[in-house]
């Protein structure tokens, strides 16, 4: 796999969303290349944000994914019921981030991109790891069940 399509939840002022993915104001779709280069493909308003549904329902996420097109990885600042379901059932890799600065996030993502490529590749080949990786400002993915240990 030479590229990963990422969808990143953002606020209207451009920072990374600290909330649930579906509650983000905007979404940026980026293409991450194995050499670490990033290309922004689009930045769209979240037209599904005001959808009235129960927490964790699937309708809002389906609408968002339809708008963004093919995605390998969703990135947001908070775990959600949809992220947990996705981890168990989907080919899309959910990722939680702890920083809100876009530049810092991109640098961290590129620093540990090989780990992300491995996670996405395994998921695309049928593995469903229920743990959702957390990308810390240190530039390393951590396991939520053991945050002090780097995931293998």
N, C-alpha and C. Protein backbone atom coordinates (compact mmCIF):
# COMPACT_ATOMS: atom_id res chain seq x y z
N UNK A 1 0.86 -1.18 0.00
CA UNK A 1 0.00 0.00 0.00
C UNK A 1 0.90 1.23 0.00
N UNK A 2 0.75 2.07 -1.03
CA UNK A 2 1.61 3.24 -1.16
C UNK A 2 1.01 4.52 -0.63
N UNK A 3 -0.33 4.54 -0.44
CA UNK A 3 -0.99 5.74 0.08
C UNK A 3 -2.12 5.34 1.02
N UNK A 4 -2.45 6.28 1.92
CA UNK A 4 -3.59 6.13 2.82
C UNK A 4 -4.43 7.39 2.70
N UNK A 5 -5.73 7.21 2.51
CA UNK A 5 -6.66 8.34 2.50
C UNK A 5 -7.17 8.52 3.93
N UNK A 6 -6.92 9.71 4.49
CA UNK A 6 -7.31 10.03 5.86
C UNK A 6 -8.41 11.09 5.86
N UNK A 7 -9.37 10.95 6.73
CA UNK A 7 -10.37 11.99 6.96
C UNK A 7 -10.16 12.50 8.38
N UNK A 8 -10.00 13.80 8.50
CA UNK A 8 -9.66 14.41 9.78
C UNK A 8 -10.75 15.39 10.18
N UNK A 9 -11.29 15.22 11.39
CA UNK A 9 -12.29 16.14 11.91
C UNK A 9 -11.64 17.44 12.35
N UNK A 10 -12.23 18.58 11.93
CA UNK A 10 -11.66 19.89 12.25
C UNK A 10 -12.74 20.84 12.75
N UNK A 11 -12.30 21.92 13.37
CA UNK A 11 -13.20 23.00 13.76
C UNK A 11 -13.26 24.01 12.62
N UNK A 12 -14.20 24.95 12.69
CA UNK A 12 -14.28 25.98 11.65
C UNK A 12 -13.04 26.87 11.60
N UNK A 13 -12.31 26.98 12.72
CA UNK A 13 -11.10 27.81 12.71
C UNK A 13 -9.85 27.03 12.30
N UNK A 14 -10.03 25.76 11.89
CA UNK A 14 -8.91 25.00 11.32
C UNK A 14 -8.16 24.09 12.26
N UNK A 15 -8.46 24.14 13.57
CA UNK A 15 -7.77 23.23 14.49
C UNK A 15 -8.44 21.86 14.42
N UNK A 16 -7.72 20.85 14.90
CA UNK A 16 -8.30 19.51 14.94
C UNK A 16 -9.40 19.48 15.97
N UNK A 17 -10.46 18.78 15.65
CA UNK A 17 -11.60 18.66 16.54
C UNK A 17 -11.21 17.85 17.78
N UNK A 18 -11.63 18.32 18.94
CA UNK A 18 -11.39 17.58 20.18
C UNK A 18 -12.58 16.70 20.54
N UNK A 19 -13.64 16.77 19.76
CA UNK A 19 -14.84 16.00 20.03
C UNK A 19 -14.94 14.77 19.15
N UNK A 20 -16.14 14.25 19.06
CA UNK A 20 -16.41 13.08 18.23
C UNK A 20 -16.29 13.47 16.75
N UNK A 21 -15.90 12.52 15.94
CA UNK A 21 -15.71 12.76 14.51
C UNK A 21 -16.96 13.38 13.87
N UNK A 22 -18.12 12.80 14.11
CA UNK A 22 -19.36 13.26 13.50
C UNK A 22 -19.81 14.63 13.96
N UNK A 23 -19.25 15.11 15.06
CA UNK A 23 -19.60 16.44 15.57
C UNK A 23 -18.61 17.52 15.13
N UNK A 24 -17.65 17.15 14.30
CA UNK A 24 -16.69 18.13 13.79
C UNK A 24 -17.41 19.13 12.89
N UNK A 25 -16.88 20.35 12.83
CA UNK A 25 -17.45 21.37 11.95
C UNK A 25 -17.14 21.07 10.48
N UNK A 26 -15.93 20.55 10.25
CA UNK A 26 -15.43 20.33 8.90
C UNK A 26 -14.66 19.01 8.85
N UNK A 27 -14.40 18.56 7.63
CA UNK A 27 -13.55 17.39 7.43
C UNK A 27 -12.54 17.71 6.35
N UNK A 28 -11.31 17.35 6.61
CA UNK A 28 -10.27 17.46 5.60
C UNK A 28 -9.90 16.05 5.19
N UNK A 29 -9.80 15.84 3.90
CA UNK A 29 -9.35 14.54 3.38
C UNK A 29 -7.93 14.74 2.87
N UNK A 30 -7.02 13.96 3.43
CA UNK A 30 -5.61 14.03 3.07
C UNK A 30 -5.15 12.68 2.54
N UNK A 31 -4.19 12.72 1.65
CA UNK A 31 -3.56 11.50 1.15
C UNK A 31 -2.14 11.48 1.72
N UNK A 32 -1.86 10.44 2.51
CA UNK A 32 -0.54 10.24 3.10
C UNK A 32 0.21 9.22 2.24
N UNK A 33 1.37 9.60 1.77
CA UNK A 33 2.21 8.71 0.96
C UNK A 33 3.22 8.02 1.86
N UNK A 34 3.68 6.85 1.44
CA UNK A 34 4.61 6.08 2.26
C UNK A 34 5.92 6.82 2.50
N UNK A 35 6.27 7.79 1.64
CA UNK A 35 7.49 8.57 1.85
C UNK A 35 7.29 9.71 2.85
N UNK A 36 6.06 9.85 3.39
CA UNK A 36 5.77 10.87 4.39
C UNK A 36 5.15 12.14 3.83
N UNK A 37 5.05 12.25 2.52
CA UNK A 37 4.43 13.45 1.95
C UNK A 37 2.91 13.38 2.13
N UNK A 38 2.32 14.54 2.31
CA UNK A 38 0.87 14.67 2.53
C UNK A 38 0.29 15.64 1.51
N UNK A 39 -0.84 15.28 0.95
CA UNK A 39 -1.52 16.16 0.00
C UNK A 39 -2.97 16.28 0.45
N UNK A 40 -3.42 17.53 0.63
CA UNK A 40 -4.81 17.74 0.99
C UNK A 40 -5.67 17.61 -0.26
N UNK A 41 -6.65 16.71 -0.21
CA UNK A 41 -7.52 16.47 -1.35
C UNK A 41 -8.76 17.35 -1.32
N UNK A 42 -9.33 17.54 -0.13
CA UNK A 42 -10.50 18.40 -0.02
C UNK A 42 -10.72 18.81 1.43
N UNK A 43 -11.51 19.85 1.61
CA UNK A 43 -11.92 20.33 2.92
C UNK A 43 -13.38 20.70 2.79
N UNK A 44 -14.25 19.98 3.50
CA UNK A 44 -15.69 20.17 3.32
C UNK A 44 -16.38 20.45 4.65
N UNK A 45 -17.47 21.19 4.56
CA UNK A 45 -18.32 21.46 5.72
C UNK A 45 -19.03 20.16 6.11
N UNK A 46 -19.21 19.94 7.39
CA UNK A 46 -19.95 18.77 7.88
C UNK A 46 -21.44 19.08 7.76
N UNK A 47 -22.06 18.63 6.69
CA UNK A 47 -23.48 18.87 6.46
C UNK A 47 -24.36 17.95 7.29
N UNK A 48 -23.76 16.96 7.92
CA UNK A 48 -24.52 15.99 8.72
C UNK A 48 -24.47 16.29 10.21
N UNK A 49 -23.77 17.35 10.60
CA UNK A 49 -23.57 17.64 12.02
C UNK A 49 -24.89 17.78 12.78
N UNK A 50 -25.88 18.39 12.16
CA UNK A 50 -27.15 18.64 12.84
C UNK A 50 -28.14 17.49 12.72
N UNK A 51 -27.72 16.37 12.14
CA UNK A 51 -28.63 15.22 12.03
C UNK A 51 -29.11 14.83 13.41
N UNK A 52 -30.40 14.68 13.54
CA UNK A 52 -30.99 14.33 14.84
C UNK A 52 -31.08 12.82 14.95
N UNK A 53 -30.16 12.24 15.67
CA UNK A 53 -30.19 10.80 15.91
C UNK A 53 -29.56 10.51 17.26
N UNK A 54 -29.81 9.32 17.76
CA UNK A 54 -29.27 8.95 19.07
C UNK A 54 -27.76 8.80 18.97
N UNK A 55 -27.09 9.01 20.09
CA UNK A 55 -25.64 8.92 20.15
C UNK A 55 -25.19 7.53 19.71
N UNK A 56 -24.27 7.49 18.74
CA UNK A 56 -23.74 6.23 18.26
C UNK A 56 -24.53 5.60 17.12
N UNK A 57 -25.59 6.28 16.65
CA UNK A 57 -26.35 5.75 15.52
C UNK A 57 -25.49 5.81 14.26
N UNK A 58 -25.84 5.04 13.27
CA UNK A 58 -25.00 4.88 12.09
C UNK A 58 -25.29 5.87 10.96
N UNK A 59 -26.44 6.54 10.98
CA UNK A 59 -26.84 7.39 9.87
C UNK A 59 -25.89 8.53 9.56
N UNK A 60 -25.48 9.25 10.60
CA UNK A 60 -24.59 10.38 10.41
C UNK A 60 -23.25 9.93 9.82
N UNK A 61 -22.68 8.85 10.35
CA UNK A 61 -21.39 8.36 9.87
C UNK A 61 -21.50 7.92 8.41
N UNK A 62 -22.59 7.24 8.05
CA UNK A 62 -22.77 6.81 6.66
C UNK A 62 -22.85 8.01 5.73
N UNK A 63 -23.55 9.06 6.13
CA UNK A 63 -23.67 10.27 5.31
C UNK A 63 -22.32 10.94 5.12
N UNK A 64 -21.53 11.00 6.19
CA UNK A 64 -20.21 11.63 6.12
C UNK A 64 -19.30 10.83 5.19
N UNK A 65 -19.28 9.52 5.34
CA UNK A 65 -18.42 8.68 4.51
C UNK A 65 -18.82 8.77 3.04
N UNK A 66 -20.11 8.88 2.76
CA UNK A 66 -20.57 9.01 1.38
C UNK A 66 -20.07 10.32 0.78
N UNK A 67 -20.03 11.37 1.58
CA UNK A 67 -19.56 12.68 1.10
C UNK A 67 -18.05 12.67 0.83
N UNK A 68 -17.29 11.98 1.67
CA UNK A 68 -15.83 12.01 1.56
C UNK A 68 -15.27 11.03 0.54
N UNK A 69 -16.01 10.01 0.19
CA UNK A 69 -15.49 9.02 -0.75
C UNK A 69 -14.61 8.01 -0.03
N UNK A 70 -13.86 7.22 -0.79
CA UNK A 70 -13.04 6.15 -0.19
C UNK A 70 -12.05 6.68 0.86
N UNK A 71 -12.08 6.08 2.04
CA UNK A 71 -11.23 6.48 3.17
C UNK A 71 -10.64 5.21 3.78
N UNK A 72 -9.37 5.30 4.18
CA UNK A 72 -8.73 4.19 4.90
C UNK A 72 -8.68 4.43 6.40
N UNK A 73 -8.73 5.70 6.81
CA UNK A 73 -8.50 6.04 8.22
C UNK A 73 -9.29 7.29 8.59
N UNK A 74 -9.97 7.24 9.74
CA UNK A 74 -10.67 8.41 10.29
C UNK A 74 -9.93 8.87 11.52
N UNK A 75 -9.77 10.19 11.65
CA UNK A 75 -9.00 10.77 12.75
C UNK A 75 -9.86 11.79 13.49
N UNK A 76 -9.91 11.66 14.82
CA UNK A 76 -10.63 12.64 15.63
C UNK A 76 -10.02 12.71 17.02
N UNK A 77 -10.49 13.67 17.79
CA UNK A 77 -9.95 13.90 19.12
C UNK A 77 -10.62 13.13 20.23
N UNK A 78 -11.64 12.35 19.91
CA UNK A 78 -12.36 11.64 20.97
C UNK A 78 -12.91 10.31 20.46
N UNK A 79 -12.87 9.32 21.32
CA UNK A 79 -13.45 8.01 21.04
C UNK A 79 -14.97 8.17 20.91
N UNK A 80 -15.58 7.34 20.09
CA UNK A 80 -17.04 7.38 19.95
C UNK A 80 -17.57 5.96 19.77
N UNK A 81 -18.87 5.78 19.94
CA UNK A 81 -19.46 4.46 19.68
C UNK A 81 -19.23 4.00 18.24
N UNK A 82 -19.28 4.94 17.28
CA UNK A 82 -19.02 4.57 15.89
C UNK A 82 -17.57 4.13 15.68
N UNK A 83 -16.62 4.78 16.35
CA UNK A 83 -15.22 4.37 16.24
C UNK A 83 -15.05 2.95 16.79
N UNK A 84 -15.71 2.66 17.91
CA UNK A 84 -15.61 1.33 18.51
C UNK A 84 -16.22 0.28 17.59
N UNK A 85 -17.36 0.59 17.01
CA UNK A 85 -18.00 -0.33 16.06
C UNK A 85 -17.10 -0.53 14.83
N UNK A 86 -16.55 0.58 14.34
CA UNK A 86 -15.67 0.53 13.18
C UNK A 86 -14.46 -0.36 13.45
N UNK A 87 -13.90 -0.25 14.63
CA UNK A 87 -12.72 -1.06 14.98
C UNK A 87 -13.03 -2.56 14.91
N UNK A 88 -14.25 -2.92 15.23
CA UNK A 88 -14.66 -4.33 15.23
C UNK A 88 -15.13 -4.84 13.87
N UNK A 89 -15.66 -3.93 13.03
CA UNK A 89 -16.37 -4.40 11.84
C UNK A 89 -15.91 -3.83 10.51
N UNK A 90 -15.15 -2.77 10.50
CA UNK A 90 -14.92 -2.03 9.25
C UNK A 90 -13.50 -2.18 8.72
N UNK A 91 -13.35 -1.88 7.43
CA UNK A 91 -12.02 -1.81 6.83
C UNK A 91 -11.38 -0.45 7.11
N UNK A 92 -12.12 0.48 7.70
CA UNK A 92 -11.60 1.82 8.02
C UNK A 92 -10.97 1.81 9.41
N UNK A 93 -9.73 2.31 9.51
CA UNK A 93 -8.99 2.36 10.77
C UNK A 93 -9.32 3.66 11.51
N UNK A 94 -9.97 3.58 12.68
CA UNK A 94 -10.16 4.79 13.48
C UNK A 94 -8.90 5.11 14.27
N UNK A 95 -8.61 6.40 14.43
CA UNK A 95 -7.45 6.87 15.19
C UNK A 95 -7.89 8.07 16.03
N UNK A 96 -7.49 8.09 17.28
CA UNK A 96 -7.74 9.23 18.17
C UNK A 96 -6.42 9.99 18.33
N UNK A 97 -6.48 11.32 18.31
CA UNK A 97 -5.29 12.15 18.49
C UNK A 97 -5.43 13.00 19.75
N UNK A 98 -4.29 13.33 20.35
CA UNK A 98 -4.33 14.13 21.58
C UNK A 98 -3.96 15.59 21.35
N UNK A 99 -3.52 15.96 20.16
CA UNK A 99 -3.17 17.36 19.91
C UNK A 99 -4.22 18.00 19.01
N UNK A 100 -4.32 19.32 19.06
CA UNK A 100 -5.29 20.03 18.23
C UNK A 100 -4.62 20.88 17.16
N UNK A 101 -3.32 21.07 17.25
CA UNK A 101 -2.59 21.85 16.26
C UNK A 101 -2.36 21.00 15.01
N UNK A 102 -2.86 21.49 13.87
CA UNK A 102 -2.77 20.73 12.63
C UNK A 102 -1.35 20.42 12.20
N UNK A 103 -0.45 21.39 12.31
CA UNK A 103 0.94 21.17 11.91
C UNK A 103 1.61 20.14 12.80
N UNK A 104 1.39 20.26 14.11
CA UNK A 104 1.96 19.28 15.05
C UNK A 104 1.41 17.89 14.75
N UNK A 105 0.11 17.80 14.49
CA UNK A 105 -0.50 16.52 14.17
C UNK A 105 0.13 15.90 12.92
N UNK A 106 0.26 16.69 11.87
CA UNK A 106 0.83 16.17 10.62
C UNK A 106 2.26 15.70 10.83
N UNK A 107 3.03 16.44 11.60
CA UNK A 107 4.41 16.03 11.90
C UNK A 107 4.43 14.72 12.68
N UNK A 108 3.55 14.60 13.67
CA UNK A 108 3.47 13.37 14.46
C UNK A 108 3.03 12.19 13.60
N UNK A 109 2.04 12.43 12.76
CA UNK A 109 1.54 11.38 11.89
C UNK A 109 2.65 10.87 10.96
N UNK A 110 3.38 11.79 10.38
CA UNK A 110 4.46 11.40 9.46
C UNK A 110 5.58 10.68 10.20
N UNK A 111 5.83 11.07 11.45
CA UNK A 111 6.91 10.45 12.21
C UNK A 111 6.64 8.97 12.48
N UNK A 112 5.38 8.58 12.65
CA UNK A 112 5.05 7.18 12.94
C UNK A 112 4.14 6.61 11.84
N UNK A 113 4.34 7.09 10.61
CA UNK A 113 3.49 6.68 9.49
C UNK A 113 3.60 5.19 9.19
N UNK A 114 4.76 4.59 9.42
CA UNK A 114 4.91 3.16 9.12
C UNK A 114 3.98 2.33 9.99
N UNK A 115 3.78 2.76 11.23
CA UNK A 115 2.83 2.08 12.12
C UNK A 115 1.42 2.20 11.56
N UNK A 116 1.05 3.39 11.10
CA UNK A 116 -0.28 3.59 10.54
C UNK A 116 -0.46 2.75 9.28
N UNK A 117 0.54 2.73 8.42
CA UNK A 117 0.46 1.92 7.21
C UNK A 117 0.26 0.44 7.57
N UNK A 118 0.95 -0.02 8.61
CA UNK A 118 0.80 -1.40 9.05
C UNK A 118 -0.62 -1.66 9.56
N UNK A 119 -1.14 -0.76 10.38
CA UNK A 119 -2.50 -0.91 10.91
C UNK A 119 -3.54 -0.95 9.79
N UNK A 120 -3.41 -0.04 8.85
CA UNK A 120 -4.36 0.03 7.74
C UNK A 120 -4.25 -1.22 6.86
N UNK A 121 -3.03 -1.64 6.57
CA UNK A 121 -2.82 -2.82 5.74
C UNK A 121 -3.43 -4.06 6.38
N UNK A 122 -3.20 -4.23 7.67
CA UNK A 122 -3.78 -5.39 8.38
C UNK A 122 -5.30 -5.35 8.33
N UNK A 123 -5.86 -4.16 8.53
CA UNK A 123 -7.31 -4.00 8.52
C UNK A 123 -7.86 -4.30 7.12
N UNK A 124 -7.18 -3.84 6.09
CA UNK A 124 -7.61 -4.10 4.72
C UNK A 124 -7.57 -5.59 4.38
N UNK A 125 -6.73 -6.33 5.09
CA UNK A 125 -6.62 -7.78 4.87
C UNK A 125 -7.44 -8.60 5.88
N UNK A 126 -8.39 -7.96 6.55
CA UNK A 126 -9.35 -8.69 7.36
C UNK A 126 -9.12 -8.70 8.86
N UNK A 127 -7.99 -8.22 9.34
CA UNK A 127 -7.78 -8.18 10.80
C UNK A 127 -8.64 -7.07 11.40
N UNK A 128 -9.25 -7.33 12.53
CA UNK A 128 -10.09 -6.35 13.21
C UNK A 128 -9.64 -6.24 14.66
N UNK A 129 -8.68 -5.38 14.91
CA UNK A 129 -8.20 -5.13 16.27
C UNK A 129 -9.16 -4.18 16.95
N UNK A 130 -9.77 -4.59 18.08
CA UNK A 130 -10.75 -3.72 18.74
C UNK A 130 -10.12 -2.50 19.42
N UNK A 131 -8.81 -2.51 19.64
CA UNK A 131 -8.16 -1.35 20.27
C UNK A 131 -7.96 -0.26 19.23
N UNK A 132 -8.32 0.95 19.60
CA UNK A 132 -8.17 2.09 18.71
C UNK A 132 -6.90 2.83 19.11
N UNK A 133 -5.94 2.94 18.19
CA UNK A 133 -4.69 3.60 18.54
C UNK A 133 -4.88 5.08 18.81
N UNK A 134 -4.05 5.58 19.71
CA UNK A 134 -4.05 7.00 20.06
C UNK A 134 -2.71 7.58 19.64
N UNK A 135 -2.75 8.61 18.80
CA UNK A 135 -1.54 9.28 18.36
C UNK A 135 -1.28 10.46 19.29
N UNK A 136 -0.20 10.37 20.04
CA UNK A 136 0.15 11.42 21.01
C UNK A 136 1.04 12.48 20.37
N UNK A 137 1.12 13.60 21.03
CA UNK A 137 1.95 14.72 20.54
C UNK A 137 3.42 14.35 20.46
N UNK A 138 3.80 13.23 21.05
CA UNK A 138 5.19 12.76 20.97
C UNK A 138 5.49 12.18 19.60
N UNK A 139 4.45 11.94 18.79
CA UNK A 139 4.66 11.38 17.46
C UNK A 139 4.63 9.87 17.45
N UNK A 140 4.12 9.26 18.51
CA UNK A 140 4.04 7.80 18.58
C UNK A 140 2.63 7.35 18.87
N UNK A 141 2.23 6.26 18.23
CA UNK A 141 0.95 5.65 18.55
C UNK A 141 1.08 4.88 19.85
N UNK A 142 0.04 4.94 20.65
CA UNK A 142 -0.01 4.21 21.91
C UNK A 142 -1.29 3.40 21.95
N UNK A 143 -1.24 2.34 22.70
CA UNK A 143 -2.41 1.50 22.91
C UNK A 143 -3.23 2.09 24.04
N UNK A 144 -4.55 2.19 23.90
CA UNK A 144 -5.37 2.74 24.99
C UNK A 144 -5.36 1.86 26.23
N UNK A 145 -5.12 0.55 26.07
CA UNK A 145 -5.11 -0.33 27.24
C UNK A 145 -3.78 -0.27 27.99
N UNK A 146 -2.75 0.24 27.35
CA UNK A 146 -1.44 0.37 27.99
C UNK A 146 -0.74 1.58 27.38
N UNK A 147 -1.11 2.79 27.80
CA UNK A 147 -0.61 4.00 27.15
C UNK A 147 0.89 4.23 27.29
N UNK A 148 1.55 3.56 28.18
CA UNK A 148 2.99 3.76 28.35
C UNK A 148 3.82 2.90 27.42
N UNK A 149 3.19 1.93 26.77
CA UNK A 149 3.92 1.00 25.92
C UNK A 149 3.59 1.30 24.46
N UNK A 150 4.62 1.42 23.64
CA UNK A 150 4.41 1.59 22.22
C UNK A 150 3.81 0.32 21.64
N UNK A 151 2.80 0.47 20.78
CA UNK A 151 2.21 -0.70 20.15
C UNK A 151 3.23 -1.38 19.27
N UNK A 152 3.19 -2.70 19.26
CA UNK A 152 4.09 -3.48 18.41
C UNK A 152 3.48 -3.70 17.06
